[in-house]
Amino acid sequence: EYLKRQPDRRMVVVAGGGHLAFRSGIPKRVSRRNGLEYAVIINDADIEKGIADYAVFPPPLEGITAPRLMVVLAEDKGKVTIAGFSRESVAERAGLRTGDVILSVDGDPVKDTGDVKLALFFKKSGETITVRVVRKRFLLGSKEVDVVVKL
């Protein structure tokens, strides 16, 4: 509505790459609703043909970053479930699976995705963590499993 009332203006929306890649997600939805043109600009190391209209490569920043599990997490009714994995995921390589419900990380209970991020915050690359999950099994019911992940 703002852009229709102010046609000489432009709008910038800042979102994660998964919400923008291949011109899908947010840009496509908004364009369907307002009929306006848009461009997708990303600043990501994983560049593929057609992923965006423009790519920006800022210089790397110095600083300490926490290691990542390289998982896609979903929250539902107080449970954190592994919904997928990034390419070359350390968690998938260690044995975690899509559908696993995370109970704890290094013994600390997980109630939401923030608990997972906090558990990783003070870790360093190369360290290990123990992730306790509930895993559904086809005929034998659910089972609690400990998976050691090298970050």
N, C-alpha and C. Protein backbone atom coordinates (compact mmCIF):
# COMPACT_ATOMS: atom_id res chain seq x y z
N GLU A 1 0.82 -1.19 0.00
CA GLU A 1 0.00 0.00 0.00
C GLU A 1 0.86 1.25 0.00
N TYR A 2 1.93 1.23 0.80
CA TYR A 2 2.82 2.38 0.85
C TYR A 2 3.42 2.66 -0.51
N LEU A 3 3.92 1.65 -1.18
CA LEU A 3 4.56 1.85 -2.48
C LEU A 3 3.57 2.31 -3.55
N LYS A 4 2.35 1.88 -3.46
CA LYS A 4 1.34 2.36 -4.42
C LYS A 4 1.03 3.83 -4.19
N ARG A 5 1.03 4.27 -2.93
CA ARG A 5 0.78 5.68 -2.62
C ARG A 5 2.00 6.56 -2.88
N GLN A 6 3.19 5.93 -2.85
CA GLN A 6 4.46 6.65 -3.03
C GLN A 6 5.25 6.01 -4.18
N PRO A 7 4.81 6.15 -5.43
CA PRO A 7 5.46 5.44 -6.54
C PRO A 7 6.91 5.85 -6.80
N ASP A 8 7.34 6.98 -6.27
CA ASP A 8 8.72 7.41 -6.46
C ASP A 8 9.67 6.81 -5.41
N ARG A 9 9.15 6.04 -4.48
CA ARG A 9 9.94 5.43 -3.41
C ARG A 9 10.26 3.97 -3.72
N ARG A 10 11.25 3.46 -3.01
CA ARG A 10 11.62 2.05 -3.09
C ARG A 10 11.63 1.49 -1.68
N MET A 11 11.53 0.18 -1.57
CA MET A 11 11.53 -0.47 -0.27
C MET A 11 12.57 -1.58 -0.27
N VAL A 12 13.24 -1.72 0.86
CA VAL A 12 14.21 -2.79 1.05
C VAL A 12 13.69 -3.67 2.17
N VAL A 13 13.68 -4.98 1.93
CA VAL A 13 13.29 -5.95 2.94
C VAL A 13 14.51 -6.82 3.23
N VAL A 14 14.88 -6.90 4.49
CA VAL A 14 16.03 -7.71 4.89
C VAL A 14 15.49 -9.03 5.45
N ALA A 15 15.93 -10.14 4.84
CA ALA A 15 15.46 -11.46 5.25
C ALA A 15 16.57 -12.47 5.00
N GLY A 16 16.45 -13.63 5.60
CA GLY A 16 17.41 -14.70 5.38
C GLY A 16 17.33 -15.23 3.95
N GLY A 17 18.44 -15.76 3.47
CA GLY A 17 18.54 -16.23 2.09
C GLY A 17 17.49 -17.26 1.71
N GLY A 18 17.09 -18.11 2.65
CA GLY A 18 16.08 -19.12 2.36
C GLY A 18 14.72 -18.53 2.03
N HIS A 19 14.49 -17.30 2.47
CA HIS A 19 13.22 -16.63 2.18
C HIS A 19 13.26 -15.89 0.84
N LEU A 20 14.44 -15.90 0.19
CA LEU A 20 14.63 -15.12 -1.03
C LEU A 20 15.12 -15.93 -2.22
N ALA A 21 15.81 -17.02 -1.97
CA ALA A 21 16.51 -17.76 -3.02
C ALA A 21 15.58 -18.14 -4.17
N PHE A 22 16.10 -17.98 -5.36
CA PHE A 22 15.40 -18.32 -6.59
C PHE A 22 14.10 -17.53 -6.74
N ARG A 23 14.11 -16.30 -6.17
CA ARG A 23 12.98 -15.37 -6.30
C ARG A 23 11.67 -15.96 -5.75
N SER A 24 11.79 -16.85 -4.80
CA SER A 24 10.58 -17.45 -4.22
C SER A 24 10.38 -16.88 -2.81
N GLY A 25 9.44 -17.40 -2.11
CA GLY A 25 9.19 -16.96 -0.74
C GLY A 25 8.63 -15.55 -0.69
N ILE A 26 9.26 -14.70 0.09
CA ILE A 26 8.76 -13.34 0.33
C ILE A 26 8.59 -12.55 -0.97
N PRO A 27 9.61 -12.47 -1.85
CA PRO A 27 9.44 -11.63 -3.05
C PRO A 27 8.26 -12.04 -3.92
N LYS A 28 8.11 -13.31 -4.15
CA LYS A 28 7.04 -13.78 -5.03
C LYS A 28 5.67 -13.51 -4.41
N ARG A 29 5.54 -13.74 -3.10
CA ARG A 29 4.25 -13.48 -2.43
C ARG A 29 3.85 -12.01 -2.51
N VAL A 30 4.81 -11.14 -2.21
CA VAL A 30 4.52 -9.71 -2.22
C VAL A 30 4.17 -9.26 -3.63
N SER A 31 4.90 -9.73 -4.62
CA SER A 31 4.62 -9.35 -6.00
C SER A 31 3.23 -9.82 -6.45
N ARG A 32 2.84 -11.01 -6.02
CA ARG A 32 1.49 -11.48 -6.36
C ARG A 32 0.43 -10.57 -5.77
N ARG A 33 0.68 -10.05 -4.59
CA ARG A 33 -0.31 -9.20 -3.92
C ARG A 33 -0.35 -7.77 -4.46
N ASN A 34 0.86 -7.22 -4.79
CA ASN A 34 0.86 -5.81 -5.18
C ASN A 34 1.16 -5.58 -6.66
N GLY A 35 1.58 -6.61 -7.39
CA GLY A 35 1.84 -6.49 -8.82
C GLY A 35 3.08 -5.69 -9.16
N LEU A 36 3.90 -5.33 -8.17
CA LEU A 36 5.10 -4.52 -8.43
C LEU A 36 6.30 -5.40 -8.75
N GLU A 37 7.25 -4.83 -9.48
CA GLU A 37 8.49 -5.54 -9.80
C GLU A 37 9.39 -5.56 -8.56
N TYR A 38 10.32 -6.50 -8.55
CA TYR A 38 11.25 -6.60 -7.43
C TYR A 38 12.56 -7.19 -7.91
N ALA A 39 13.59 -7.03 -7.12
CA ALA A 39 14.90 -7.62 -7.37
C ALA A 39 15.36 -8.29 -6.08
N VAL A 40 16.05 -9.40 -6.21
CA VAL A 40 16.59 -10.12 -5.06
C VAL A 40 18.10 -9.91 -5.03
N ILE A 41 18.60 -9.44 -3.89
CA ILE A 41 20.03 -9.22 -3.69
C ILE A 41 20.44 -10.10 -2.52
N ILE A 42 21.43 -10.93 -2.71
CA ILE A 42 21.90 -11.79 -1.60
C ILE A 42 23.37 -11.53 -1.34
N ASN A 43 23.81 -11.87 -0.17
CA ASN A 43 25.24 -11.84 0.17
C ASN A 43 25.57 -13.17 0.82
N ASP A 44 25.71 -14.16 0.02
CA ASP A 44 25.87 -15.53 0.50
C ASP A 44 27.05 -16.17 -0.21
N ALA A 45 27.73 -17.06 0.47
CA ALA A 45 28.87 -17.74 -0.13
C ALA A 45 28.42 -18.84 -1.10
N ASP A 46 27.22 -19.38 -0.91
CA ASP A 46 26.73 -20.47 -1.76
C ASP A 46 25.94 -19.89 -2.93
N ILE A 47 26.63 -19.50 -3.97
CA ILE A 47 26.00 -18.88 -5.12
C ILE A 47 25.77 -19.94 -6.19
N GLU A 48 24.54 -19.99 -6.68
CA GLU A 48 24.17 -20.87 -7.79
C GLU A 48 23.54 -20.02 -8.87
N LYS A 49 23.63 -20.48 -10.10
CA LYS A 49 23.02 -19.75 -11.20
C LYS A 49 21.52 -19.62 -10.95
N GLY A 50 21.00 -18.40 -11.09
CA GLY A 50 19.58 -18.15 -10.94
C GLY A 50 19.10 -17.95 -9.52
N ILE A 51 20.00 -17.97 -8.54
CA ILE A 51 19.57 -17.85 -7.14
C ILE A 51 19.11 -16.44 -6.80
N ALA A 52 19.62 -15.42 -7.51
CA ALA A 52 19.24 -14.03 -7.21
C ALA A 52 19.49 -13.17 -8.43
N ASP A 53 18.96 -11.95 -8.37
CA ASP A 53 19.22 -10.98 -9.43
C ASP A 53 20.61 -10.37 -9.28
N TYR A 54 21.03 -10.17 -8.03
CA TYR A 54 22.33 -9.57 -7.74
C TYR A 54 22.95 -10.30 -6.56
N ALA A 55 24.28 -10.36 -6.54
CA ALA A 55 25.00 -10.94 -5.41
C ALA A 55 26.03 -9.92 -4.93
N VAL A 56 26.12 -9.74 -3.62
CA VAL A 56 27.07 -8.82 -3.01
C VAL A 56 28.06 -9.65 -2.21
N PHE A 57 29.31 -9.36 -2.36
CA PHE A 57 30.34 -10.10 -1.63
C PHE A 57 31.10 -9.16 -0.70
N PRO A 58 30.56 -8.90 0.49
CA PRO A 58 31.27 -8.01 1.42
C PRO A 58 32.52 -8.71 1.95
N PRO A 59 33.51 -7.92 2.38
CA PRO A 59 34.71 -8.56 2.94
C PRO A 59 34.35 -9.30 4.21
N PRO A 60 35.04 -10.42 4.46
CA PRO A 60 34.75 -11.16 5.70
C PRO A 60 35.05 -10.32 6.93
N LEU A 61 34.25 -10.49 7.95
CA LEU A 61 34.45 -9.79 9.20
C LEU A 61 35.26 -10.66 10.14
N GLU A 62 36.17 -10.04 10.84
CA GLU A 62 36.93 -10.76 11.85
C GLU A 62 36.07 -10.87 13.10
N GLY A 63 36.16 -11.96 13.76
CA GLY A 63 35.40 -12.10 14.99
C GLY A 63 35.18 -13.56 15.31
N ILE A 64 34.66 -13.77 16.46
CA ILE A 64 34.40 -15.13 16.91
C ILE A 64 32.98 -15.50 16.53
N THR A 65 32.83 -16.65 15.92
CA THR A 65 31.48 -17.13 15.61
C THR A 65 31.31 -18.51 16.22
N ALA A 66 30.12 -18.77 16.65
CA ALA A 66 29.83 -20.08 17.24
C ALA A 66 29.71 -21.11 16.11
N PRO A 67 30.12 -22.33 16.35
CA PRO A 67 29.93 -23.37 15.34
C PRO A 67 28.45 -23.68 15.16
N ARG A 68 28.13 -24.35 14.08
CA ARG A 68 26.74 -24.66 13.76
C ARG A 68 26.53 -26.15 13.63
N LEU A 69 25.32 -26.58 13.96
CA LEU A 69 24.93 -27.97 13.75
C LEU A 69 24.61 -28.23 12.29
N MET A 70 24.28 -27.18 11.54
CA MET A 70 23.94 -27.27 10.12
C MET A 70 22.66 -28.09 9.94
N VAL A 71 21.65 -27.73 10.74
CA VAL A 71 20.35 -28.37 10.67
C VAL A 71 19.27 -27.31 10.47
N VAL A 72 18.14 -27.73 9.94
CA VAL A 72 16.96 -26.89 9.88
C VAL A 72 16.06 -27.37 11.01
N LEU A 73 15.71 -26.45 11.91
CA LEU A 73 14.92 -26.82 13.08
C LEU A 73 13.49 -26.30 12.95
N ALA A 74 12.56 -27.06 13.48
CA ALA A 74 11.15 -26.65 13.51
C ALA A 74 10.67 -26.75 14.96
N GLU A 75 9.91 -25.75 15.38
CA GLU A 75 9.32 -25.76 16.73
C GLU A 75 7.84 -26.02 16.61
N ASP A 76 7.32 -26.91 17.45
CA ASP A 76 5.89 -27.15 17.47
C ASP A 76 5.51 -27.72 18.83
N LYS A 77 4.63 -27.03 19.51
CA LYS A 77 4.08 -27.49 20.80
C LYS A 77 5.18 -27.84 21.80
N GLY A 78 6.19 -26.96 21.91
CA GLY A 78 7.25 -27.17 22.89
C GLY A 78 8.27 -28.20 22.51
N LYS A 79 8.26 -28.65 21.26
CA LYS A 79 9.24 -29.62 20.79
C LYS A 79 10.06 -29.01 19.66
N VAL A 80 11.35 -29.32 19.63
CA VAL A 80 12.23 -28.88 18.57
C VAL A 80 12.61 -30.10 17.75
N THR A 81 12.23 -30.08 16.48
CA THR A 81 12.42 -31.22 15.58
C THR A 81 13.39 -30.86 14.47
N ILE A 82 14.20 -31.82 14.08
CA ILE A 82 15.08 -31.63 12.93
C ILE A 82 14.26 -31.80 11.67
N ALA A 83 14.12 -30.71 10.90
CA ALA A 83 13.31 -30.72 9.68
C ALA A 83 14.15 -30.94 8.43
N GLY A 84 15.46 -30.81 8.54
CA GLY A 84 16.33 -30.99 7.38
C GLY A 84 17.76 -30.65 7.74
N PHE A 85 18.63 -30.72 6.72
CA PHE A 85 20.06 -30.50 6.93
C PHE A 85 20.64 -29.60 5.85
N SER A 86 21.65 -28.83 6.21
CA SER A 86 22.43 -28.08 5.24
C SER A 86 23.36 -29.05 4.51
N ARG A 87 23.89 -28.60 3.38
CA ARG A 87 24.86 -29.42 2.67
C ARG A 87 26.05 -29.72 3.56
N GLU A 88 26.52 -30.95 3.53
CA GLU A 88 27.69 -31.40 4.30
C GLU A 88 27.53 -31.14 5.80
N SER A 89 26.35 -31.39 6.30
CA SER A 89 26.01 -31.14 7.70
C SER A 89 26.80 -32.04 8.64
N VAL A 90 27.41 -31.43 9.66
CA VAL A 90 28.13 -32.21 10.67
C VAL A 90 27.15 -33.05 11.48
N ALA A 91 25.94 -32.53 11.69
CA ALA A 91 24.94 -33.25 12.47
C ALA A 91 24.45 -34.49 11.72
N GLU A 92 24.21 -34.34 10.43
CA GLU A 92 23.77 -35.49 9.63
C GLU A 92 24.88 -36.53 9.54
N ARG A 93 26.09 -36.07 9.36
CA ARG A 93 27.24 -36.98 9.29
C ARG A 93 27.40 -37.75 10.60
N ALA A 94 27.08 -37.11 11.73
CA ALA A 94 27.21 -37.76 13.04
C ALA A 94 26.10 -38.78 13.31
N GLY A 95 24.99 -38.68 12.56
CA GLY A 95 23.93 -39.66 12.75
C GLY A 95 22.57 -39.11 13.13
N LEU A 96 22.44 -37.79 13.26
CA LEU A 96 21.11 -37.24 13.50
C LEU A 96 20.28 -37.41 12.23
N ARG A 97 18.96 -37.47 12.39
CA ARG A 97 18.07 -37.74 11.25
C ARG A 97 16.91 -36.74 11.22
N THR A 98 16.38 -36.54 10.03
CA THR A 98 15.17 -35.75 9.88
C THR A 98 14.06 -36.41 10.70
N GLY A 99 13.34 -35.61 11.47
CA GLY A 99 12.28 -36.14 12.32
C GLY A 99 12.70 -36.36 13.76
N ASP A 100 14.01 -36.37 14.03
CA ASP A 100 14.47 -36.49 15.41
C ASP A 100 13.99 -35.29 16.21
N VAL A 101 13.49 -35.54 17.43
CA VAL A 101 13.09 -34.47 18.34
C VAL A 101 14.22 -34.28 19.34
N ILE A 102 14.76 -33.06 19.41
CA ILE A 102 15.90 -32.79 20.29
C ILE A 102 15.40 -32.59 21.72
N LEU A 103 15.93 -33.42 22.63
CA LEU A 103 15.57 -33.33 24.04
C LEU A 103 16.57 -32.47 24.82
N SER A 104 17.88 -32.64 24.50
CA SER A 104 18.90 -31.90 25.22
C SER A 104 20.17 -31.80 24.39
N VAL A 105 21.00 -30.82 24.76
CA VAL A 105 22.33 -30.67 24.19
C VAL A 105 23.29 -30.60 25.37
N ASP A 106 24.21 -31.54 25.43
CA ASP A 106 25.17 -31.65 26.54
C ASP A 106 24.45 -31.66 27.89
N GLY A 107 23.30 -32.32 27.95
CA GLY A 107 22.55 -32.47 29.20
C GLY A 107 21.62 -31.31 29.52
N ASP A 108 21.71 -30.21 28.79
CA ASP A 108 20.82 -29.07 29.03
C ASP A 108 19.55 -29.26 28.22
N PRO A 109 18.38 -29.18 28.87
CA PRO A 109 17.12 -29.41 28.16
C PRO A 109 16.88 -28.40 27.04
N VAL A 110 16.23 -28.87 25.98
CA VAL A 110 15.90 -28.02 24.83
C VAL A 110 14.38 -27.89 24.77
N LYS A 111 13.91 -26.64 24.93
CA LYS A 111 12.47 -26.34 24.85
C LYS A 111 12.14 -25.56 23.59
N ASP A 112 13.16 -24.85 23.04
CA ASP A 112 12.96 -24.08 21.81
C ASP A 112 14.30 -23.94 21.08
N THR A 113 14.26 -23.35 19.88
CA THR A 113 15.49 -23.25 19.08
C THR A 113 16.53 -22.36 19.77
N GLY A 114 16.08 -21.42 20.59
CA GLY A 114 17.02 -20.58 21.33
C GLY A 114 17.90 -21.40 22.26
N ASP A 115 17.37 -22.48 22.83
CA ASP A 115 18.16 -23.34 23.70
C ASP A 115 19.30 -24.01 22.92
N VAL A 116 19.04 -24.38 21.67
CA VAL A 116 20.07 -25.00 20.83
C VAL A 116 21.15 -23.97 20.52
N LYS A 117 20.74 -22.77 20.15
CA LYS A 117 21.71 -21.70 19.84
C LYS A 117 22.56 -21.38 21.06
N LEU A 118 21.94 -21.31 22.23
CA LEU A 118 22.67 -21.00 23.45
C LEU A 118 23.69 -22.11 23.76
N ALA A 119 23.31 -23.35 23.55
CA ALA A 119 24.23 -24.47 23.81
C ALA A 119 25.46 -24.41 22.91
N LEU A 120 25.32 -23.86 21.72
CA LEU A 120 26.43 -23.77 20.78
C LEU A 120 27.26 -22.50 20.95
N PHE A 121 26.70 -21.51 21.62
CA PHE A 121 27.30 -20.17 21.66
C PHE A 121 28.74 -20.17 22.17
N PHE A 122 29.03 -20.91 23.21
CA PHE A 122 30.37 -20.89 23.80
C PHE A 122 31.25 -22.04 23.32
N LYS A 123 30.79 -22.79 22.35
CA LYS A 123 31.57 -23.90 21.81
C LYS A 123 32.53 -23.39 20.75
N LYS A 124 33.55 -24.20 20.47
CA LYS A 124 34.51 -23.88 19.43
C LYS A 124 34.48 -24.98 18.36
N SER A 125 34.83 -24.61 17.16
CA SER A 125 34.93 -25.62 16.09
C SER A 125 35.90 -26.70 16.52
N GLY A 126 35.54 -27.93 16.24
CA GLY A 126 36.38 -29.07 16.62
C GLY A 126 35.95 -29.72 17.92
N GLU A 127 35.20 -29.01 18.77
CA GLU A 127 34.70 -29.60 20.01
C GLU A 127 33.54 -30.54 19.67
N THR A 128 33.20 -31.37 20.64
CA THR A 128 32.07 -32.28 20.45
C THR A 128 30.95 -31.91 21.42
N ILE A 129 29.74 -32.20 21.00
CA ILE A 129 28.58 -32.06 21.86
C ILE A 129 27.77 -33.35 21.78
N THR A 130 26.99 -33.62 22.80
CA THR A 130 26.10 -34.77 22.80
C THR A 130 24.68 -34.27 22.68
N VAL A 131 24.01 -34.71 21.63
CA VAL A 131 22.63 -34.32 21.38
C VAL A 131 21.75 -35.53 21.67
N ARG A 132 20.85 -35.38 22.64
CA ARG A 132 19.90 -36.45 22.97
C ARG A 132 18.61 -36.17 22.22
N VAL A 133 18.16 -37.18 21.46
CA VAL A 133 16.95 -37.03 20.65
C VAL A 133 16.00 -38.18 20.91
N VAL A 134 14.73 -37.96 20.58
CA VAL A 134 13.75 -39.05 20.51
C VAL A 134 13.60 -39.36 19.03
N ARG A 135 13.80 -40.60 18.69
CA ARG A 135 13.72 -41.04 17.29
C ARG A 135 12.58 -42.04 17.15
N LYS A 136 11.70 -41.76 16.20
CA LYS A 136 10.62 -42.71 15.91
C LYS A 136 11.19 -43.86 15.11
N ARG A 137 10.76 -45.07 15.48
CA ARG A 137 11.16 -46.25 14.73
C ARG A 137 9.91 -46.88 14.15
N PHE A 138 10.07 -47.54 13.04
CA PHE A 138 8.93 -48.03 12.27
C PHE A 138 8.02 -48.95 13.09
N LEU A 139 8.53 -50.01 13.61
CA LEU A 139 7.70 -50.98 14.34
C LEU A 139 7.92 -50.98 15.84
N LEU A 140 9.05 -50.47 16.28
CA LEU A 140 9.43 -50.63 17.67
C LEU A 140 9.12 -49.43 18.55
N GLY A 141 8.43 -48.42 18.04
CA GLY A 141 8.12 -47.24 18.83
C GLY A 141 9.29 -46.29 18.91
N SER A 142 9.14 -45.24 19.70
CA SER A 142 10.18 -44.23 19.83
C SER A 142 11.28 -44.68 20.78
N LYS A 143 12.48 -44.13 20.56
CA LYS A 143 13.61 -44.49 21.39
C LYS A 143 14.47 -43.23 21.59
N GLU A 144 14.99 -43.05 22.81
CA GLU A 144 15.93 -41.97 23.06
C GLU A 144 17.33 -42.41 22.61
N VAL A 145 18.00 -41.50 21.88
CA VAL A 145 19.32 -41.80 21.32
C VAL A 145 20.25 -40.64 21.62
N ASP A 146 21.49 -40.93 22.01
CA ASP A 146 22.52 -39.90 22.17
C ASP A 146 23.41 -39.93 20.93
N VAL A 147 23.60 -38.76 20.33
CA VAL A 147 24.45 -38.65 19.15
C VAL A 147 25.56 -37.64 19.47
N VAL A 148 26.81 -38.05 19.30
CA VAL A 148 27.94 -37.17 19.53
C VAL A 148 28.28 -36.50 18.19
N VAL A 149 28.27 -35.16 18.22
CA VAL A 149 28.52 -34.37 17.01
C VAL A 149 29.81 -33.59 17.19
N LYS A 150 30.72 -33.75 16.24
CA LYS A 150 31.95 -32.95 16.23
C LYS A 150 31.67 -31.68 15.45
N LEU A 151 31.78 -30.55 16.10
CA LEU A 151 31.46 -29.26 15.48
C LEU A 151 32.58 -28.76 14.57
